[in-house]
Amino acid sequence: MIKAVIIGLGKMGISHAAILGGLPNVELVAVCDTDSLLQSAFKKLTKIQVYTDYKKMIEEVKPDCVYVVTPTKLHYEMVMFALEKGCHVFCEKPFALTAEQGEKMVALAKAKGLVNQVGYHNRYIGTFNELKRLLAEGVIGKPFYFMGEAYGPVVLKPKGGTWRSDKKNGGGCIEDYAAHVLNLINYVTGSTLVGCAGTQMPSIFSGEVDDAVYGSLTLANGLKGQISVNWSDDTVRKMTTSVKVHGDGGKLEADATTLKIYVREDNPKYGLQKGWNFRYITDVTPPVEFNLRGEEYTAESEAFINGILTGKVDERNSFESALQTDYIIKKMEEDAV
């Protein structure tokens, strides 16, 4: 039985706690947070040990794996400590506050031979995985353009007081929203974002951080496209993320529920007729043990735990892949200045 602990009991920390409780072969034995209300709830309603000092928790409990679910500023210190203690680590996104920190975490995880994962959950959504497969197999011919988008009603009036509104803590739209899209573009195209131009990062309501990110991007394979992300958009009810890829033989468009496939000619091999074809999340998503908030959140934890148990590690969300996203974030921030 894998012993797991969680550092940080915000929205995602509680989600991970619930998911781990529904998985076989893993037991959540301890949690750590400084919030007294959350501490009292776990003490009253569970038998899980509660700590306020993550180092003490790791040293006393000696867990097999650690979930780091805290503001980005704290990731480096916590991940490095857990790795030094021989723990496998799941870290929420974005990976690190700086690319230099990310490089050190990647190097230590490799040196220790420990399973590592970052919570870019879109890589476990069926529609995006099907887009990736069809693109790689040339269903739309040679691609010549991509577009990554995300919109949400997160910051709709001037406010502050949270880590997301503080650049020094890793806040801002580019870290919290655009990171998902950049990471997803890397994944579905099978190439790495290496360049950017014309980056705009306006502050719409926030005082210290960006509320939107726009710009042109270049992949290592030469393919070019754009990004459009805005977390101050009240035309949507919740976060919406999508990727489009145009090819000389058609077009692929995917969000978290639907994959739209346009082909110029019939393609019997893939069951596609000339024109528009549709595949839905229920058609392309493998079942999971426990569905909370979406299969993808459980799927990523299943992959992490199974990697620890079997040694057959699913590398799609490794520290190294997340570091590639941090590199392009850094470039975009520099380009926007």
C-alpha atoms as a PDB file:
ATOM      1  CA  MET A   1       0.000   0.000   0.000  1.00  0.00           C
ATOM      2  CA  ILE A   2       1.410   3.394  -1.059  1.00  0.00           C
ATOM      3  CA  LYS A   3       1.470   5.969   1.741  1.00  0.00           C
ATOM      4  CA  ALA A   4       0.615   9.483   0.495  1.00  0.00           C
ATOM      5  CA  VAL A   5       0.597  12.914   2.090  1.00  0.00           C
ATOM      6  CA  ILE A   6      -0.661  16.275   0.844  1.00  0.00           C
ATOM      7  CA  ILE A   7       0.830  19.717   1.468  1.00  0.00           C
ATOM      8  CA  GLY A   8      -1.801  22.419   0.935  1.00  0.00           C
ATOM      9  CA  LEU A   9      -5.569  22.075   1.403  1.00  0.00           C
ATOM     10  CA  GLY A  10      -6.981  24.658  -0.958  1.00  0.00           C
ATOM     11  CA  LYS A  11      -9.466  23.694  -3.682  1.00  0.00           C
ATOM     12  CA  MET A  12      -7.051  21.387  -5.486  1.00  0.00           C
ATOM     13  CA  GLY A  13      -5.593  19.942  -2.287  1.00  0.00           C
ATOM     14  CA  ILE A  14      -9.041  18.878  -1.083  1.00  0.00           C
ATOM     15  CA  SER A  15      -9.812  17.498  -4.551  1.00  0.00           C
ATOM     16  CA  HIS A  16      -6.669  15.362  -4.480  1.00  0.00           C
ATOM     17  CA  ALA A  17      -7.536  14.178  -0.970  1.00  0.00           C
ATOM     18  CA  ALA A  18     -10.959  13.022  -2.143  1.00  0.00           C
ATOM     19  CA  ILE A  19      -9.563  11.297  -5.245  1.00  0.00           C
ATOM     20  CA  LEU A  20      -6.856   9.450  -3.306  1.00  0.00           C
ATOM     21  CA  GLY A  21      -9.533   8.228  -0.908  1.00  0.00           C
ATOM     22  CA  GLY A  22     -11.269   6.528  -3.836  1.00  0.00           C
ATOM     23  CA  LEU A  23      -8.230   4.784  -5.309  1.00  0.00           C
ATOM     24  CA  PRO A  24      -6.970   1.287  -4.471  1.00  0.00           C
ATOM     25  CA  ASN A  25      -3.369   0.634  -3.444  1.00  0.00           C
ATOM     26  CA  VAL A  26      -2.890   4.082  -1.900  1.00  0.00           C
ATOM     27  CA  GLU A  27      -3.705   5.524   1.523  1.00  0.00           C
ATOM     28  CA  LEU A  28      -3.737   9.212   2.401  1.00  0.00           C
ATOM     29  CA  VAL A  29      -2.112   9.142   5.826  1.00  0.00           C
ATOM     30  CA  ALA A  30      -1.432  12.834   6.536  1.00  0.00           C
ATOM     31  CA  VAL A  31      -2.116  16.372   5.367  1.00  0.00           C
ATOM     32  CA  CYS A  32      -0.467  19.700   6.077  1.00  0.00           C
ATOM     33  CA  ASP A  33      -1.961  23.201   6.103  1.00  0.00           C
ATOM     34  CA  THR A  34      -1.757  26.293   8.301  1.00  0.00           C
ATOM     35  CA  ASP A  35      -5.485  27.099   8.113  1.00  0.00           C
ATOM     36  CA  SER A  36      -7.135  26.271  11.464  1.00  0.00           C
ATOM     37  CA  LEU A  37     -10.594  25.732   9.950  1.00  0.00           C
ATOM     38  CA  LEU A  38      -9.285  23.137   7.495  1.00  0.00           C
ATOM     39  CA  GLN A  39      -7.244  21.483  10.220  1.00  0.00           C
ATOM     40  CA  SER A  40     -10.279  21.147  12.489  1.00  0.00           C
ATOM     41  CA  ALA A  41     -12.408  19.705   9.678  1.00  0.00           C
ATOM     42  CA  PHE A  42      -9.875  16.960   8.921  1.00  0.00           C
ATOM     43  CA  LYS A  43      -9.392  16.218  12.622  1.00  0.00           C
ATOM     44  CA  LYS A  44     -13.138  15.999  13.239  1.00  0.00           C
ATOM     45  CA  LEU A  45     -14.217  14.116  10.108  1.00  0.00           C
ATOM     46  CA  THR A  46     -11.258  11.847   9.292  1.00  0.00           C
ATOM     47  CA  LYS A  47      -8.566   9.737  10.914  1.00  0.00           C
ATOM     48  CA  ILE A  48      -5.900  11.388   8.773  1.00  0.00           C
ATOM     49  CA  GLN A  49      -3.015  12.956  10.675  1.00  0.00           C
ATOM     50  CA  VAL A  50      -2.913  16.764  10.463  1.00  0.00           C
ATOM     51  CA  TYR A  51       0.269  18.861  10.500  1.00  0.00           C
ATOM     52  CA  THR A  52       1.190  22.521  10.187  1.00  0.00           C
ATOM     53  CA  ASP A  53       4.869  21.838   9.407  1.00  0.00           C
ATOM     54  CA  TYR A  54       5.420  19.885   6.185  1.00  0.00           C
ATOM     55  CA  LYS A  55       9.004  18.964   7.058  1.00  0.00           C
ATOM     56  CA  LYS A  56       7.920  17.444  10.364  1.00  0.00           C
ATOM     57  CA  MET A  57       5.131  15.570   8.563  1.00  0.00           C
ATOM     58  CA  ILE A  58       7.481  14.037   6.004  1.00  0.00           C
ATOM     59  CA  GLU A  59      10.118  13.138   8.607  1.00  0.00           C
ATOM     60  CA  GLU A  60       7.606  11.528  10.996  1.00  0.00           C
ATOM     61  CA  VAL A  61       5.239   9.837   8.539  1.00  0.00           C
ATOM     62  CA  LYS A  62       7.929   8.774   6.037  1.00  0.00           C
ATOM     63  CA  PRO A  63       5.486   8.712   3.098  1.00  0.00           C
ATOM     64  CA  ASP A  64       6.101   7.026  -0.238  1.00  0.00           C
ATOM     65  CA  CYS A  65       4.789  10.058  -2.131  1.00  0.00           C
ATOM     66  CA  VAL A  66       4.039  13.717  -1.543  1.00  0.00           C
ATOM     67  CA  TYR A  67       1.459  15.919  -3.253  1.00  0.00           C
ATOM     68  CA  VAL A  68       2.607  19.560  -3.290  1.00  0.00           C
ATOM     69  CA  VAL A  69      -0.519  21.661  -3.778  1.00  0.00           C
ATOM     70  CA  THR A  70       0.549  25.145  -2.699  1.00  0.00           C
ATOM     71  CA  PRO A  71       1.178  28.558  -4.300  1.00  0.00           C
ATOM     72  CA  THR A  72       3.951  28.372  -6.920  1.00  0.00           C
ATOM     73  CA  LYS A  73       6.422  30.321  -4.778  1.00  0.00           C
ATOM     74  CA  LEU A  74       6.558  27.395  -2.330  1.00  0.00           C
ATOM     75  CA  HIS A  75       6.967  24.567  -4.847  1.00  0.00           C
ATOM     76  CA  TYR A  76      10.751  24.587  -5.098  1.00  0.00           C
ATOM     77  CA  GLU A  77      11.497  24.379  -1.383  1.00  0.00           C
ATOM     78  CA  MET A  78       8.852  21.721  -0.729  1.00  0.00           C
ATOM     79  CA  VAL A  79       9.583  19.551  -3.762  1.00  0.00           C
ATOM     80  CA  MET A  80      13.332  19.593  -3.135  1.00  0.00           C
ATOM     81  CA  PHE A  81      12.858  18.597   0.514  1.00  0.00           C
ATOM     82  CA  ALA A  82      10.530  15.733  -0.417  1.00  0.00           C
ATOM     83  CA  LEU A  83      12.907  14.469  -3.110  1.00  0.00           C
ATOM     84  CA  GLU A  84      15.873  14.612  -0.746  1.00  0.00           C
ATOM     85  CA  LYS A  85      13.878  12.421   1.649  1.00  0.00           C
ATOM     86  CA  GLY A  86      13.345   9.863  -1.100  1.00  0.00           C
ATOM     87  CA  CYS A  87       9.677  10.634  -1.786  1.00  0.00           C
ATOM     88  CA  HIS A  88       8.012  10.442  -5.183  1.00  0.00           C
ATOM     89  CA  VAL A  89       6.421  13.839  -5.911  1.00  0.00           C
ATOM     90  CA  PHE A  90       3.257  15.094  -7.580  1.00  0.00           C
ATOM     91  CA  CYS A  91       3.406  18.900  -7.896  1.00  0.00           C
ATOM     92  CA  GLU A  92       0.533  21.090  -9.003  1.00  0.00           C
ATOM     93  CA  LYS A  93       1.058  23.491 -11.901  1.00  0.00           C
ATOM     94  CA  PRO A  94       2.683  25.782 -12.743  1.00  0.00           C
ATOM     95  CA  PHE A  95       5.859  23.867 -11.945  1.00  0.00           C
ATOM     96  CA  ALA A  96       8.267  26.533 -10.673  1.00  0.00           C
ATOM     97  CA  LEU A  97       8.613  30.245 -10.107  1.00  0.00           C
ATOM     98  CA  THR A  98      11.728  30.296 -12.308  1.00  0.00           C
ATOM     99  CA  ALA A  99      13.153  27.977 -14.957  1.00  0.00           C
ATOM    100  CA  GLU A 100      16.339  27.691 -12.882  1.00  0.00           C
ATOM    101  CA  GLN A 101      14.366  26.224  -9.990  1.00  0.00           C
ATOM    102  CA  GLY A 102      12.676  23.813 -12.366  1.00  0.00           C
ATOM    103  CA  GLU A 103      15.995  22.609 -13.735  1.00  0.00           C
ATOM    104  CA  LYS A 104      17.220  21.769 -10.221  1.00  0.00           C
ATOM    105  CA  MET A 105      14.037  19.844  -9.411  1.00  0.00           C
ATOM    106  CA  VAL A 106      14.283  17.888 -12.666  1.00  0.00           C
ATOM    107  CA  ALA A 107      17.931  17.055 -11.993  1.00  0.00           C
ATOM    108  CA  LEU A 108      17.330  15.875  -8.417  1.00  0.00           C
ATOM    109  CA  ALA A 109      14.336  13.716  -9.352  1.00  0.00           C
ATOM    110  CA  LYS A 110      16.439  12.052 -12.070  1.00  0.00           C
ATOM    111  CA  ALA A 111      19.408  11.559  -9.772  1.00  0.00           C
ATOM    112  CA  LYS A 112      17.201   9.940  -7.138  1.00  0.00           C
ATOM    113  CA  GLY A 113      15.261   7.839  -9.655  1.00  0.00           C
ATOM    114  CA  LEU A 114      11.925   9.050  -8.281  1.00  0.00           C
ATOM    115  CA  VAL A 115       8.555   9.189 -10.024  1.00  0.00           C
ATOM    116  CA  ASN A 116       7.557  12.790 -10.670  1.00  0.00           C
ATOM    117  CA  GLN A 117       4.496  14.451 -12.125  1.00  0.00           C
ATOM    118  CA  VAL A 118       2.995  17.934 -12.566  1.00  0.00           C
ATOM    119  CA  GLY A 119      -0.759  18.503 -12.559  1.00  0.00           C
ATOM    120  CA  TYR A 120      -1.403  19.577 -16.130  1.00  0.00           C
ATOM    121  CA  HIS A 121      -4.652  17.641 -16.233  1.00  0.00           C
ATOM    122  CA  ASN A 122      -5.558  18.515 -19.850  1.00  0.00           C
ATOM    123  CA  ARG A 123      -3.083  15.853 -20.996  1.00  0.00           C
ATOM    124  CA  TYR A 124      -5.487  13.239 -19.633  1.00  0.00           C
ATOM    125  CA  ILE A 125      -8.621  14.550 -21.377  1.00  0.00           C
ATOM    126  CA  GLY A 126      -9.834  12.202 -24.091  1.00  0.00           C
ATOM    127  CA  THR A 127     -10.684  14.827 -26.717  1.00  0.00           C
ATOM    128  CA  PHE A 128      -7.211  16.367 -26.576  1.00  0.00           C
ATOM    129  CA  ASN A 129      -5.584  12.941 -26.703  1.00  0.00           C
ATOM    130  CA  GLU A 130      -7.640  12.010 -29.758  1.00  0.00           C
ATOM    131  CA  LEU A 131      -6.668  15.298 -31.438  1.00  0.00           C
ATOM    132  CA  LYS A 132      -3.021  14.501 -30.706  1.00  0.00           C
ATOM    133  CA  ARG A 133      -3.369  11.020 -32.213  1.00  0.00           C
ATOM    134  CA  LEU A 134      -5.152  12.145 -35.396  1.00  0.00           C
ATOM    135  CA  LEU A 135      -2.692  14.998 -35.901  1.00  0.00           C
ATOM    136  CA  ALA A 136       0.312  12.694 -35.538  1.00  0.00           C
ATOM    137  CA  GLU A 137      -1.204  10.208 -37.999  1.00  0.00           C
ATOM    138  CA  GLY A 138      -1.671  12.888 -40.659  1.00  0.00           C
ATOM    139  CA  VAL A 139      -5.456  12.899 -40.814  1.00  0.00           C
ATOM    140  CA  ILE A 140      -5.525  16.614 -41.708  1.00  0.00           C
ATOM    141  CA  GLY A 141      -2.410  16.513 -43.861  1.00  0.00           C
ATOM    142  CA  LYS A 142       0.449  18.897 -43.235  1.00  0.00           C
ATOM    143  CA  PRO A 143      -0.372  21.369 -40.410  1.00  0.00           C
ATOM    144  CA  PHE A 144       0.334  25.043 -41.035  1.00  0.00           C
ATOM    145  CA  TYR A 145      -1.292  26.892 -38.103  1.00  0.00           C
ATOM    146  CA  PHE A 146      -2.468  26.337 -34.507  1.00  0.00           C
ATOM    147  CA  MET A 147      -4.490  28.346 -31.998  1.00  0.00           C
ATOM    148  CA  GLY A 148      -4.666  27.832 -28.231  1.00  0.00           C
ATOM    149  CA  GLU A 149      -7.344  29.584 -26.186  1.00  0.00           C
ATOM    150  CA  ALA A 150      -8.671  29.774 -22.633  1.00  0.00           C
ATOM    151  CA  TYR A 151     -11.228  32.125 -21.105  1.00  0.00           C
ATOM    152  CA  GLY A 152     -12.764  32.385 -17.663  1.00  0.00           C
ATOM    153  CA  PRO A 153     -14.532  34.692 -15.172  1.00  0.00           C
ATOM    154  CA  VAL A 154     -11.840  34.707 -12.466  1.00  0.00           C
ATOM    155  CA  VAL A 155     -10.968  38.388 -12.017  1.00  0.00           C
ATOM    156  CA  LEU A 156     -13.938  40.610 -12.875  1.00  0.00           C
ATOM    157  CA  LYS A 157     -13.249  43.579 -10.601  1.00  0.00           C
ATOM    158  CA  PRO A 158     -10.245  45.205  -8.917  1.00  0.00           C
ATOM    159  CA  LYS A 159      -9.071  42.999  -6.076  1.00  0.00           C
ATOM    160  CA  GLY A 160      -5.998  41.664  -4.358  1.00  0.00           C
ATOM    161  CA  GLY A 161      -5.035  39.768  -1.253  1.00  0.00           C
ATOM    162  CA  THR A 162      -4.424  36.320  -2.746  1.00  0.00           C
ATOM    163  CA  TRP A 163      -1.275  34.657  -4.093  1.00  0.00           C
ATOM    164  CA  ARG A 164      -2.786  34.770  -7.600  1.00  0.00           C
ATOM    165  CA  SER A 165      -2.739  38.578  -7.466  1.00  0.00           C
ATOM    166  CA  ASP A 166       0.909  38.675  -6.381  1.00  0.00           C
ATOM    167  CA  LYS A 167       3.579  38.263  -9.078  1.00  0.00           C
ATOM    168  CA  LYS A 168       6.231  37.338  -6.511  1.00  0.00           C
ATOM    169  CA  ASN A 169       4.147  34.325  -5.494  1.00  0.00           C
ATOM    170  CA  GLY A 170       3.689  33.123  -9.060  1.00  0.00           C
ATOM    171  CA  GLY A 171       0.351  34.779  -9.691  1.00  0.00           C
ATOM    172  CA  GLY A 172      -1.110  36.203 -12.869  1.00  0.00           C
ATOM    173  CA  CYS A 173      -2.996  34.897 -15.862  1.00  0.00           C
ATOM    174  CA  ILE A 174       0.106  33.598 -17.626  1.00  0.00           C
ATOM    175  CA  GLU A 175       0.957  31.343 -14.675  1.00  0.00           C
ATOM    176  CA  ASP A 176      -2.549  30.250 -13.724  1.00  0.00           C
ATOM    177  CA  TYR A 177      -4.380  30.083 -17.077  1.00  0.00           C
ATOM    178  CA  ALA A 178      -2.015  30.452 -20.021  1.00  0.00           C
ATOM    179  CA  ALA A 179       0.329  27.802 -18.588  1.00  0.00           C
ATOM    180  CA  HIS A 180      -2.389  25.199 -19.237  1.00  0.00           C
ATOM    181  CA  VAL A 181      -2.695  26.232 -22.886  1.00  0.00           C
ATOM    182  CA  LEU A 182       1.049  26.441 -23.524  1.00  0.00           C
ATOM    183  CA  ASN A 183       1.558  23.023 -21.971  1.00  0.00           C
ATOM    184  CA  LEU A 184      -1.293  21.579 -24.018  1.00  0.00           C
ATOM    185  CA  ILE A 185       0.119  22.964 -27.289  1.00  0.00           C
ATOM    186  CA  ASN A 186       3.448  21.268 -26.538  1.00  0.00           C
ATOM    187  CA  TYR A 187       1.615  18.024 -25.878  1.00  0.00           C
ATOM    188  CA  VAL A 188      -0.836  17.750 -28.783  1.00  0.00           C
ATOM    189  CA  THR A 189       1.645  18.903 -31.425  1.00  0.00           C
ATOM    190  CA  GLY A 190       4.432  16.613 -30.200  1.00  0.00           C
ATOM    191  CA  SER A 191       6.855  19.537 -30.412  1.00  0.00           C
ATOM    192  CA  THR A 192       8.181  22.173 -28.034  1.00  0.00           C
ATOM    193  CA  LEU A 193       7.375  25.871 -28.028  1.00  0.00           C
ATOM    194  CA  VAL A 194      10.669  27.665 -28.535  1.00  0.00           C
ATOM    195  CA  GLY A 195       9.817  31.210 -29.641  1.00  0.00           C
ATOM    196  CA  CYS A 196       7.335  34.026 -29.238  1.00  0.00           C
ATOM    197  CA  ALA A 197       6.639  37.464 -30.684  1.00  0.00           C
ATOM    198  CA  GLY A 198       4.244  40.340 -30.170  1.00  0.00           C
ATOM    199  CA  THR A 199       3.328  39.192 -26.668  1.00  0.00           C
ATOM    200  CA  GLN A 200       0.734  41.289 -24.861  1.00  0.00           C
ATOM    201  CA  MET A 201      -0.034  40.789 -21.145  1.00  0.00           C
ATOM    202  CA  PRO A 202      -2.507  43.510 -20.146  1.00  0.00           C
ATOM    203  CA  SER A 203      -3.708  44.123 -16.598  1.00  0.00           C
ATOM    204  CA  ILE A 204      -7.452  44.649 -16.903  1.00  0.00           C
ATOM    205  CA  PHE A 205      -8.521  44.690 -13.254  1.00  0.00           C
ATOM    206  CA  SER A 206      -5.453  43.474 -11.359  1.00  0.00           C
ATOM    207  CA  GLY A 207      -2.887  45.877  -9.995  1.00  0.00           C
ATOM    208  CA  GLU A 208       0.298  43.801 -10.097  1.00  0.00           C
ATOM    209  CA  VAL A 209      -0.327  40.919 -12.484  1.00  0.00           C
ATOM    210  CA  ASP A 210      -1.555  40.268 -16.000  1.00  0.00           C
ATOM    211  CA  ASP A 211      -5.207  39.370 -16.629  1.00  0.00           C
ATOM    212  CA  ALA A 212      -4.767  38.256 -20.240  1.00  0.00           C
ATOM    213  CA  VAL A 213      -2.091  36.874 -22.544  1.00  0.00           C
ATOM    214  CA  TYR A 214      -1.945  37.226 -26.333  1.00  0.00           C
ATOM    215  CA  GLY A 215       0.857  36.510 -28.771  1.00  0.00           C
ATOM    216  CA  SER A 216       2.400  34.537 -31.591  1.00  0.00           C
ATOM    217  CA  LEU A 217       4.288  31.307 -30.938  1.00  0.00           C
ATOM    218  CA  THR A 218       6.765  29.094 -32.778  1.00  0.00           C
ATOM    219  CA  LEU A 219       7.349  25.366 -32.262  1.00  0.00           C
ATOM    220  CA  ALA A 220      10.684  23.596 -32.602  1.00  0.00           C
ATOM    221  CA  ASN A 221       9.373  21.864 -35.740  1.00  0.00           C
ATOM    222  CA  GLY A 222       8.732  25.266 -37.355  1.00  0.00           C
ATOM    223  CA  LEU A 223       4.936  25.277 -37.004  1.00  0.00           C
ATOM    224  CA  LYS A 224       3.572  28.675 -35.990  1.00  0.00           C
ATOM    225  CA  GLY A 225       0.399  29.776 -34.245  1.00  0.00           C
ATOM    226  CA  GLN A 226      -1.120  31.990 -31.601  1.00  0.00           C
ATOM    227  CA  ILE A 227      -2.417  32.068 -28.059  1.00  0.00           C
ATOM    228  CA  SER A 228      -5.381  33.994 -26.654  1.00  0.00           C
ATOM    229  CA  VAL A 229      -6.080  33.702 -22.924  1.00  0.00           C
ATOM    230  CA  ASN A 230      -8.174  35.931 -20.645  1.00  0.00           C
ATOM    231  CA  TRP A 231      -9.298  35.225 -17.076  1.00  0.00           C
ATOM    232  CA  SER A 232     -11.327  38.449 -16.906  1.00  0.00           C
ATOM    233  CA  ASP A 233     -13.935  37.270 -19.409  1.00  0.00           C
ATOM    234  CA  ASP A 234     -17.497  37.202 -18.076  1.00  0.00           C
ATOM    235  CA  THR A 235     -18.933  35.881 -21.357  1.00  0.00           C
ATOM    236  CA  VAL A 236     -18.186  32.342 -20.129  1.00  0.00           C
ATOM    237  CA  ARG A 237     -19.537  30.560 -17.041  1.00  0.00           C
ATOM    238  CA  LYS A 238     -16.311  28.722 -16.180  1.00  0.00           C
ATOM    239  CA  MET A 239     -12.861  28.131 -17.613  1.00  0.00           C
ATOM    240  CA  THR A 240     -12.951  26.966 -21.222  1.00  0.00           C
ATOM    241  CA  THR A 241      -9.825  25.645 -22.922  1.00  0.00           C
ATOM    242  CA  SER A 242      -9.501  24.790 -26.605  1.00  0.00           C
ATOM    243  CA  VAL A 243      -6.913  23.982 -29.269  1.00  0.00           C
ATOM    244  CA  LYS A 244      -7.282  24.239 -33.052  1.00  0.00           C
ATOM    245  CA  VAL A 245      -4.886  22.959 -35.696  1.00  0.00           C
ATOM    246  CA  HIS A 246      -5.277  23.773 -39.403  1.00  0.00           C
ATOM    247  CA  GLY A 247      -3.771  21.491 -42.050  1.00  0.00           C
ATOM    248  CA  ASP A 248      -3.772  21.401 -45.831  1.00  0.00           C
ATOM    249  CA  GLY A 249      -6.180  18.465 -45.663  1.00  0.00           C
ATOM    250  CA  GLY A 250      -8.539  19.648 -42.952  1.00  0.00           C
ATOM    251  CA  LYS A 251      -8.856  20.988 -39.419  1.00  0.00           C
ATOM    252  CA  LEU A 252      -8.996  19.702 -35.838  1.00  0.00           C
ATOM    253  CA  GLU A 253     -10.739  21.603 -33.023  1.00  0.00           C
ATOM    254  CA  ALA A 254     -10.962  20.280 -29.466  1.00  0.00           C
ATOM    255  CA  ASP A 255     -12.154  21.435 -26.070  1.00  0.00           C
ATOM    256  CA  ALA A 256     -12.834  19.451 -22.910  1.00  0.00           C
ATOM    257  CA  THR A 257     -16.081  17.968 -24.243  1.00  0.00           C
ATOM    258  CA  THR A 258     -15.942  17.780 -28.049  1.00  0.00           C
ATOM    259  CA  LEU A 259     -13.497  17.053 -30.873  1.00  0.00           C
ATOM    260  CA  LYS A 260     -14.489  18.489 -34.251  1.00  0.00           C
ATOM    261  CA  ILE A 261     -12.776  16.979 -37.299  1.00  0.00           C
ATOM    262  CA  TYR A 262     -13.004  18.537 -40.746  1.00  0.00           C
ATOM    263  CA  VAL A 263     -11.554  16.615 -43.676  1.00  0.00           C
ATOM    264  CA  ARG A 264     -11.571  17.551 -47.354  1.00  0.00           C
ATOM    265  CA  GLU A 265     -12.040  13.955 -48.516  1.00  0.00           C
ATOM    266  CA  ASP A 266     -13.592  10.775 -47.126  1.00  0.00           C
ATOM    267  CA  ASN A 267     -11.238   8.844 -44.853  1.00  0.00           C
ATOM    268  CA  PRO A 268     -12.661   5.319 -44.331  1.00  0.00           C
ATOM    269  CA  LYS A 269      -9.646   4.211 -42.273  1.00  0.00           C
ATOM    270  CA  TYR A 270     -10.664   6.609 -39.494  1.00  0.00           C
ATOM    271  CA  GLY A 271     -14.397   6.463 -40.105  1.00  0.00           C
ATOM    272  CA  LEU A 272     -14.480  10.041 -41.357  1.00  0.00           C
ATOM    273  CA  GLN A 273     -16.717  11.465 -44.061  1.00  0.00           C
ATOM    274  CA  LYS A 274     -15.896  14.527 -46.135  1.00  0.00           C
ATOM    275  CA  GLY A 275     -16.823  17.627 -44.118  1.00  0.00           C
ATOM    276  CA  TRP A 276     -17.372  17.875 -40.378  1.00  0.00           C
ATOM    277  CA  ASN A 277     -17.187  14.880 -38.031  1.00  0.00           C
ATOM    278  CA  PHE A 278     -17.684  14.896 -34.258  1.00  0.00           C
ATOM    279  CA  ARG A 279     -16.355  12.839 -31.374  1.00  0.00           C
ATOM    280  CA  TYR A 280     -17.398  13.457 -27.798  1.00  0.00           C
ATOM    281  CA  ILE A 281     -15.640  13.102 -24.457  1.00  0.00           C
ATOM    282  CA  THR A 282     -17.766  10.049 -23.596  1.00  0.00           C
ATOM    283  CA  ASP A 283     -16.533   8.316 -26.763  1.00  0.00           C
ATOM    284  CA  VAL A 284     -12.813   8.815 -26.226  1.00  0.00           C
ATOM    285  CA  THR A 285     -12.245   8.737 -22.449  1.00  0.00           C
ATOM    286  CA  PRO A 286     -11.119   5.548 -20.660  1.00  0.00           C
ATOM    287  CA  PRO A 287     -12.974   4.755 -17.397  1.00  0.00           C
ATOM    288  CA  VAL A 288     -11.405   5.636 -14.042  1.00  0.00           C
ATOM    289  CA  GLU A 289     -11.815   4.284 -10.510  1.00  0.00           C
ATOM    290  CA  PHE A 290     -13.384   7.447  -9.085  1.00  0.00           C
ATOM    291  CA  ASN A 291     -14.731  10.415 -11.051  1.00  0.00           C
ATOM    292  CA  LEU A 292     -14.493  13.731  -9.230  1.00  0.00           C
ATOM    293  CA  ARG A 293     -14.612  16.996 -11.215  1.00  0.00           C
ATOM    294  CA  GLY A 294     -13.760  15.037 -14.371  1.00  0.00           C
ATOM    295  CA  GLU A 295     -12.041  11.766 -15.233  1.00  0.00           C
ATOM    296  CA  GLU A 296      -8.788  13.551 -16.024  1.00  0.00           C
ATOM    297  CA  TYR A 297      -8.061  14.441 -12.391  1.00  0.00           C
ATOM    298  CA  THR A 298      -8.361  10.833 -11.299  1.00  0.00           C
ATOM    299  CA  ALA A 299      -6.495   9.578 -14.383  1.00  0.00           C
ATOM    300  CA  GLU A 300      -3.433  11.675 -13.577  1.00  0.00           C
ATOM    301  CA  SER A 301      -3.301  10.364 -10.006  1.00  0.00           C
ATOM    302  CA  GLU A 302      -3.868   6.794 -11.205  1.00  0.00           C
ATOM    303  CA  ALA A 303      -0.901   7.202 -13.553  1.00  0.00           C
ATOM    304  CA  PHE A 304       1.263   8.632 -10.761  1.00  0.00           C
ATOM    305  CA  ILE A 305       0.424   5.894  -8.228  1.00  0.00           C
ATOM    306  CA  ASN A 306       0.708   3.103 -10.818  1.00  0.00           C
ATOM    307  CA  GLY A 307       4.130   4.430 -11.805  1.00  0.00           C
ATOM    308  CA  ILE A 308       5.275   4.096  -8.202  1.00  0.00           C
ATOM    309  CA  LEU A 309       3.789   0.602  -7.849  1.00  0.00           C
ATOM    310  CA  THR A 310       4.987  -0.895 -11.121  1.00  0.00           C
ATOM    311  CA  GLY A 311       7.957   1.200 -12.199  1.00  0.00           C
ATOM    312  CA  LYS A 312       6.199   1.709 -15.558  1.00  0.00           C
ATOM    313  CA  VAL A 313       6.059   5.483 -15.426  1.00  0.00           C
ATOM    314  CA  ASP A 314       3.678   7.511 -17.587  1.00  0.00           C
ATOM    315  CA  GLU A 315       5.993  10.332 -18.667  1.00  0.00           C
ATOM    316  CA  ARG A 316       3.372  12.601 -20.218  1.00  0.00           C
ATOM    317  CA  ASN A 317       3.270  14.931 -17.166  1.00  0.00           C
ATOM    318  CA  SER A 318       6.850  14.637 -15.964  1.00  0.00           C
ATOM    319  CA  PHE A 319       8.794  17.455 -14.311  1.00  0.00           C
ATOM    320  CA  GLU A 320      10.813  17.686 -17.517  1.00  0.00           C
ATOM    321  CA  SER A 321       7.752  18.245 -19.708  1.00  0.00           C
ATOM    322  CA  ALA A 322       6.452  20.906 -17.307  1.00  0.00           C
ATOM    323  CA  LEU A 323       9.821  22.660 -17.396  1.00  0.00           C
ATOM    324  CA  GLN A 324       9.374  23.191 -21.149  1.00  0.00           C
ATOM    325  CA  THR A 325       6.247  25.197 -20.329  1.00  0.00           C
ATOM    326  CA  ASP A 326       8.181  27.300 -17.819  1.00  0.00           C
ATOM    327  CA  TYR A 327      10.761  28.092 -20.491  1.00  0.00           C
ATOM    328  CA  ILE A 328       8.177  29.566 -22.873  1.00  0.00           C
ATOM    329  CA  ILE A 329       6.448  31.452 -20.030  1.00  0.00           C
ATOM    330  CA  LYS A 330       9.782  33.115 -19.259  1.00  0.00           C
ATOM    331  CA  LYS A 331      10.279  34.030 -22.915  1.00  0.00           C
ATOM    332  CA  MET A 332       6.789  35.494 -23.203  1.00  0.00           C
ATOM    333  CA  GLU A 333       7.232  37.569 -20.068  1.00  0.00           C
ATOM    334  CA  GLU A 334      10.498  38.934 -21.438  1.00  0.00           C
ATOM    335  CA  ASP A 335       8.936  39.608 -24.840  1.00  0.00           C
ATOM    336  CA  ALA A 336       6.023  41.523 -23.275  1.00  0.00           C
ATOM    337  CA  VAL A 337       8.277  44.005 -21.446  1.00  0.00           C
END
